[in-house]
């Protein structure tokens, strides 16, 4: 029997391998039970600290005078990429993660922001709720919210996941922060009812709060072996390049509107 995810066929064996990898990853990951302090410009938190991949992007360990080609992002308004391992960039070099690639693309396009990678591997929406006040200490102008995949893979209730996401959205909006919501899908072997309600939850939340919305964070990447690492879950650097392409389609109009309103 074959299953299809994102228009690509998979054998039962392949699905089971992916599930085993997910289970192992989720068991390993940090669920956000404690939050690190606000990041400073030169700070990098290693995976040994339990916050794999958390790092500010767009910064350099060299002084500006030693490399004039490195864009300087200190003092710029912040965009926080808030999510799990898909945001942290688990398994790829730091410069290949989506926040790092997004920083480079924004620099090229002439948008003057500093992108902060606030991805925590294994995080759930409950962990996100615990971290949201810490994220706001970075005083972002905009947050890209990518959470919920680990909830779905653990079979947590759609209602609780949705409530957690909504709490984060409301907290950020009350702080005057623009939110871009990234939707997620689950493999079909989780059952048609659960997967459809899980996907619809993101659409409903975006509509209810009039959020800029990326319907599927892994669009054009999920399920494509050549764009994913050996675990079949986490994108490669090339996969993240496509993800950034899709993010920019939603993000650019938001940044342009913020500029018109004098909030850029």
Protein backbone atom coordinates (compact mmCIF):
# COMPACT_ATOMS: atom_id res chain seq x y z
CA UNK A 1 0.00 0.00 0.00
CA UNK A 2 1.24 3.50 -0.82
CA UNK A 3 0.58 6.73 1.03
CA UNK A 4 0.84 10.20 -0.48
CA UNK A 5 2.11 13.33 1.19
CA UNK A 6 2.57 16.51 -0.78
CA UNK A 7 1.90 14.59 -4.01
CA UNK A 8 4.72 12.09 -3.46
CA UNK A 9 4.27 8.36 -2.84
CA UNK A 10 5.72 6.51 0.13
CA UNK A 11 5.76 2.89 1.15
CA UNK A 12 4.57 1.71 4.54
CA UNK A 13 8.22 1.03 5.42
CA UNK A 14 9.20 4.59 4.53
CA UNK A 15 6.38 6.03 6.64
CA UNK A 16 7.40 3.87 9.59
CA UNK A 17 11.01 5.00 9.27
CA UNK A 18 9.90 8.62 9.25
CA UNK A 19 7.69 8.06 12.29
CA UNK A 20 10.52 6.36 14.16
CA UNK A 21 12.79 9.27 13.37
CA UNK A 22 10.13 11.72 14.55
CA UNK A 23 9.56 9.81 17.75
CA UNK A 24 13.26 9.70 18.48
CA UNK A 25 13.65 13.38 17.69
CA UNK A 26 10.66 14.48 19.76
CA UNK A 27 11.88 12.41 22.70
CA UNK A 28 15.30 14.04 22.43
CA UNK A 29 14.12 17.60 21.91
CA UNK A 30 13.62 20.26 24.54
CA UNK A 31 9.96 21.02 25.17
CA UNK A 32 10.65 24.56 26.25
CA UNK A 33 10.23 24.01 29.98
CA UNK A 34 12.69 26.82 30.65
CA UNK A 35 13.68 29.81 28.58
CA UNK A 36 17.16 31.21 28.08
CA UNK A 37 17.85 34.87 28.76
CA UNK A 38 17.55 37.42 25.94
CA UNK A 39 20.31 36.90 23.42
CA UNK A 40 23.10 39.43 23.09
CA UNK A 41 24.65 40.29 19.70
CA UNK A 42 27.65 37.96 20.03
CA UNK A 43 25.89 35.16 21.90
CA UNK A 44 25.40 31.69 20.49
CA UNK A 45 23.70 28.92 22.45
CA UNK A 46 24.89 25.44 21.57
CA UNK A 47 22.96 22.19 21.36
CA UNK A 48 24.72 21.05 24.51
CA UNK A 49 22.86 23.81 26.33
CA UNK A 50 19.57 22.25 25.26
CA UNK A 51 18.67 25.02 22.82
CA UNK A 52 19.99 23.56 19.58
CA UNK A 53 20.31 26.09 16.82
CA UNK A 54 19.36 29.19 18.83
CA UNK A 55 21.44 32.02 17.52
CA UNK A 56 21.11 35.57 16.25
CA UNK A 57 21.61 35.78 12.49
CA UNK A 58 23.11 38.51 10.40
CA UNK A 59 25.97 39.07 12.84
CA UNK A 60 29.67 38.43 12.47
CA UNK A 61 32.46 37.51 14.86
CA UNK A 62 34.72 39.90 12.89
CA UNK A 63 34.92 43.62 13.55
CA UNK A 64 33.28 45.75 10.87
CA UNK A 65 36.65 47.14 9.80
CA UNK A 66 37.97 43.65 9.02
CA UNK A 67 35.28 42.82 6.46
CA UNK A 68 33.36 45.71 4.98
CA UNK A 69 31.19 43.33 2.91
CA UNK A 70 29.40 41.93 5.99
CA UNK A 71 26.06 43.75 6.43
CA UNK A 72 25.85 45.33 9.86
CA UNK A 73 22.52 44.59 11.56
CA UNK A 74 23.13 46.03 15.02
CA UNK A 75 20.56 48.64 15.95
CA UNK A 76 18.09 47.50 13.30
CA UNK A 77 14.50 46.50 14.14
CA UNK A 78 14.10 42.81 14.87
CA UNK A 79 12.27 40.00 13.12
CA UNK A 80 12.12 36.93 15.38
CA UNK A 81 11.84 33.48 13.81
CA UNK A 82 9.99 31.65 16.59
CA UNK A 83 9.68 27.90 16.22
CA UNK A 84 11.02 24.39 16.68
CA UNK A 85 13.81 22.46 14.93
CA UNK A 86 12.53 23.53 11.51
CA UNK A 87 13.34 27.08 12.53
CA UNK A 88 16.47 26.23 14.52
CA UNK A 89 17.97 24.55 11.45
CA UNK A 90 18.69 21.18 13.03
CA UNK A 91 21.24 19.25 10.99
CA UNK A 92 22.42 22.06 8.71
CA UNK A 93 25.16 24.66 9.02
CA UNK A 94 24.07 27.84 10.78
CA UNK A 95 24.23 29.86 7.58
CA UNK A 96 21.89 27.37 5.85
CA UNK A 97 19.04 27.68 8.37
CA UNK A 98 15.99 29.55 7.14
CA UNK A 99 16.49 32.57 9.47
CA UNK A 100 20.08 33.00 8.24
CA UNK A 101 19.03 32.70 4.61
CA UNK A 102 16.13 35.06 5.22
CA UNK A 103 18.58 37.62 6.65
CA UNK A 104 20.68 37.42 3.50
CA UNK A 105 17.64 37.78 1.24
CA UNK A 106 16.30 40.77 3.18
CA UNK A 107 19.71 42.44 2.96
CA UNK A 108 19.76 41.88 -0.80
CA UNK A 109 16.21 43.19 -1.21
CA UNK A 110 16.97 46.31 0.79
CA UNK A 111 14.91 45.56 3.91
CA UNK A 112 16.76 46.72 6.99
CA UNK A 113 16.03 44.22 9.75
CA UNK A 114 17.96 41.92 12.02
CA UNK A 115 16.61 38.36 11.97
CA UNK A 116 16.87 36.47 15.26
CA UNK A 117 16.69 32.68 15.26
CA UNK A 118 14.53 31.67 18.24
CA UNK A 119 14.08 28.06 17.19
CA UNK A 120 14.24 25.36 19.87
CA UNK A 121 14.47 21.75 18.75
CA UNK A 122 11.59 19.60 19.97
CA UNK A 123 9.51 22.56 21.13
CA UNK A 124 5.72 22.27 21.33
CA UNK A 125 3.12 25.02 21.44
CA UNK A 126 3.04 24.64 25.23
CA UNK A 127 6.77 25.36 25.27
CA UNK A 128 6.12 28.31 22.98
CA UNK A 129 3.63 29.76 25.45
CA UNK A 130 6.29 29.57 28.14
CA UNK A 131 8.84 31.25 25.86
CA UNK A 132 6.72 34.02 24.38
CA UNK A 133 7.52 36.63 27.04
CA UNK A 134 11.23 35.90 26.54
CA UNK A 135 10.82 36.33 22.77
CA UNK A 136 9.17 39.70 23.36
CA UNK A 137 12.20 40.84 25.38
CA UNK A 138 13.98 41.02 22.03
CA UNK A 139 11.48 43.78 21.12
CA UNK A 140 10.61 42.40 17.69
CA UNK A 141 8.64 44.35 15.13
CA UNK A 142 7.49 41.07 13.61
CA UNK A 143 7.44 37.40 14.60
CA UNK A 144 7.25 34.44 12.22
CA UNK A 145 5.46 31.80 14.31
CA UNK A 146 6.24 28.21 13.27
CA UNK A 147 5.07 25.79 15.97
CA UNK A 148 2.71 22.84 16.30
CA UNK A 149 4.38 20.06 14.31
CA UNK A 150 5.60 18.34 17.48
CA UNK A 151 2.13 18.62 19.01
CA UNK A 152 0.66 16.81 16.03
CA UNK A 153 3.31 14.11 15.99
CA UNK A 154 2.66 13.46 19.67
CA UNK A 155 -1.08 13.23 18.97
CA UNK A 156 -1.96 16.14 21.27
CA UNK A 157 -5.47 17.50 20.92
CA UNK A 158 -6.05 19.97 18.12
CA UNK A 159 -8.06 22.11 20.54
CA UNK A 160 -5.15 22.50 22.97
CA UNK A 161 -2.65 23.17 20.21
CA UNK A 162 -4.94 25.81 18.75
CA UNK A 163 -5.49 27.40 22.16
CA UNK A 164 -1.74 27.61 22.76
CA UNK A 165 -1.11 29.19 19.36
CA UNK A 166 -3.91 31.66 19.94
CA UNK A 167 -2.51 32.63 23.33
CA UNK A 168 0.86 33.37 21.73
CA UNK A 169 -0.74 35.36 18.91
CA UNK A 170 -2.81 37.46 21.32
CA UNK A 171 0.19 38.11 23.57
CA UNK A 172 2.28 39.29 20.63
CA UNK A 173 -0.47 41.41 19.11
CA UNK A 174 -1.13 43.06 22.46
CA UNK A 175 2.55 43.99 22.51
CA UNK A 176 2.14 45.63 19.11
CA UNK A 177 4.06 42.92 17.25
CA UNK A 178 3.03 41.85 13.76
CA UNK A 179 2.62 38.08 13.39
CA UNK A 180 3.14 35.86 10.37
CA UNK A 181 1.66 32.42 11.07
CA UNK A 182 3.16 29.34 9.42
CA UNK A 183 0.76 26.44 8.96
CA UNK A 184 1.70 22.79 9.12
CA UNK A 185 0.39 19.46 7.83
CA UNK A 186 0.77 15.92 9.13
CA UNK A 187 1.36 12.64 7.25
CA UNK A 188 -1.96 10.96 6.36
CA UNK A 189 -1.34 7.91 8.54
CA UNK A 190 -2.40 10.00 11.54
CA UNK A 191 -5.95 9.62 10.30
CA UNK A 192 -8.03 11.76 7.98
CA UNK A 193 -10.09 13.36 10.73
CA UNK A 194 -7.13 14.39 12.88
CA UNK A 195 -4.96 15.60 10.00
CA UNK A 196 -7.75 17.63 8.42
CA UNK A 197 -8.69 19.29 11.72
CA UNK A 198 -5.01 19.96 12.46
CA UNK A 199 -4.48 21.69 9.12
CA UNK A 200 -7.75 23.62 9.35
CA UNK A 201 -6.81 24.92 12.81
CA UNK A 202 -4.09 27.13 11.31
CA UNK A 203 -6.38 28.50 8.60
CA UNK A 204 -9.08 29.31 11.15
CA UNK A 205 -6.63 31.00 13.51
CA UNK A 206 -5.17 33.12 10.71
CA UNK A 207 -8.65 34.17 9.54
CA UNK A 208 -9.91 34.91 13.06
CA UNK A 209 -7.01 37.21 13.87
CA UNK A 210 -6.38 38.51 10.33
CA UNK A 211 -2.82 37.22 10.27
CA UNK A 212 -0.45 37.04 7.34
CA UNK A 213 -0.45 33.32 6.66
CA UNK A 214 1.85 30.71 5.13
CA UNK A 215 -0.55 27.77 4.57
CA UNK A 216 2.17 25.08 4.70
CA UNK A 217 5.65 25.88 5.98
CA UNK A 218 7.15 22.89 4.12
CA UNK A 219 5.38 23.52 0.80
CA UNK A 220 7.44 22.25 -2.15
CA UNK A 221 9.90 20.66 0.29
CA UNK A 222 8.07 18.18 2.56
CA UNK A 223 8.23 14.65 1.19
CA UNK A 224 10.90 15.40 -1.43
CA UNK A 225 13.94 13.30 -0.64
CA UNK A 226 16.47 15.49 -2.44
CA UNK A 227 15.44 18.51 -0.36
CA UNK A 228 15.49 16.75 3.00
CA UNK A 229 18.12 15.22 5.23
CA UNK A 230 18.45 11.48 5.76
CA UNK A 231 15.74 11.50 8.46
CA UNK A 232 13.18 12.50 5.83
CA UNK A 233 11.97 15.30 8.11
CA UNK A 234 14.37 18.20 8.26
CA UNK A 235 15.18 20.20 5.12
CA UNK A 236 18.63 20.56 3.66
CA UNK A 237 20.10 23.97 2.96
CA UNK A 238 18.56 23.84 -0.53
CA UNK A 239 15.23 22.93 1.02
CA UNK A 240 15.42 25.97 3.29
CA UNK A 241 16.14 28.16 0.27
CA UNK A 242 12.75 27.17 -1.16
CA UNK A 243 11.12 27.73 2.22
CA UNK A 244 12.53 31.26 2.31
CA UNK A 245 11.16 31.85 -1.20
CA UNK A 246 7.69 30.95 0.06
CA UNK A 247 8.06 32.98 3.26
CA UNK A 248 9.02 36.09 1.30
CA UNK A 249 5.84 35.89 -0.78
CA UNK A 250 3.90 36.46 2.43
CA UNK A 251 6.44 38.52 4.36
CA UNK A 252 7.26 41.19 1.78
CA UNK A 253 3.74 42.66 1.59
CA UNK A 254 3.70 42.84 5.40
CA UNK A 255 7.04 44.66 5.51
CA UNK A 256 5.91 47.04 2.77
CA UNK A 257 2.72 47.85 4.67
CA UNK A 258 4.69 48.36 7.89
CA UNK A 259 6.97 50.79 6.03
CA UNK A 260 3.97 52.74 4.71
CA UNK A 261 2.69 53.01 8.28
CA UNK A 262 6.06 54.14 9.55
CA UNK A 263 6.58 50.96 11.57
CA UNK A 264 9.37 49.48 9.48
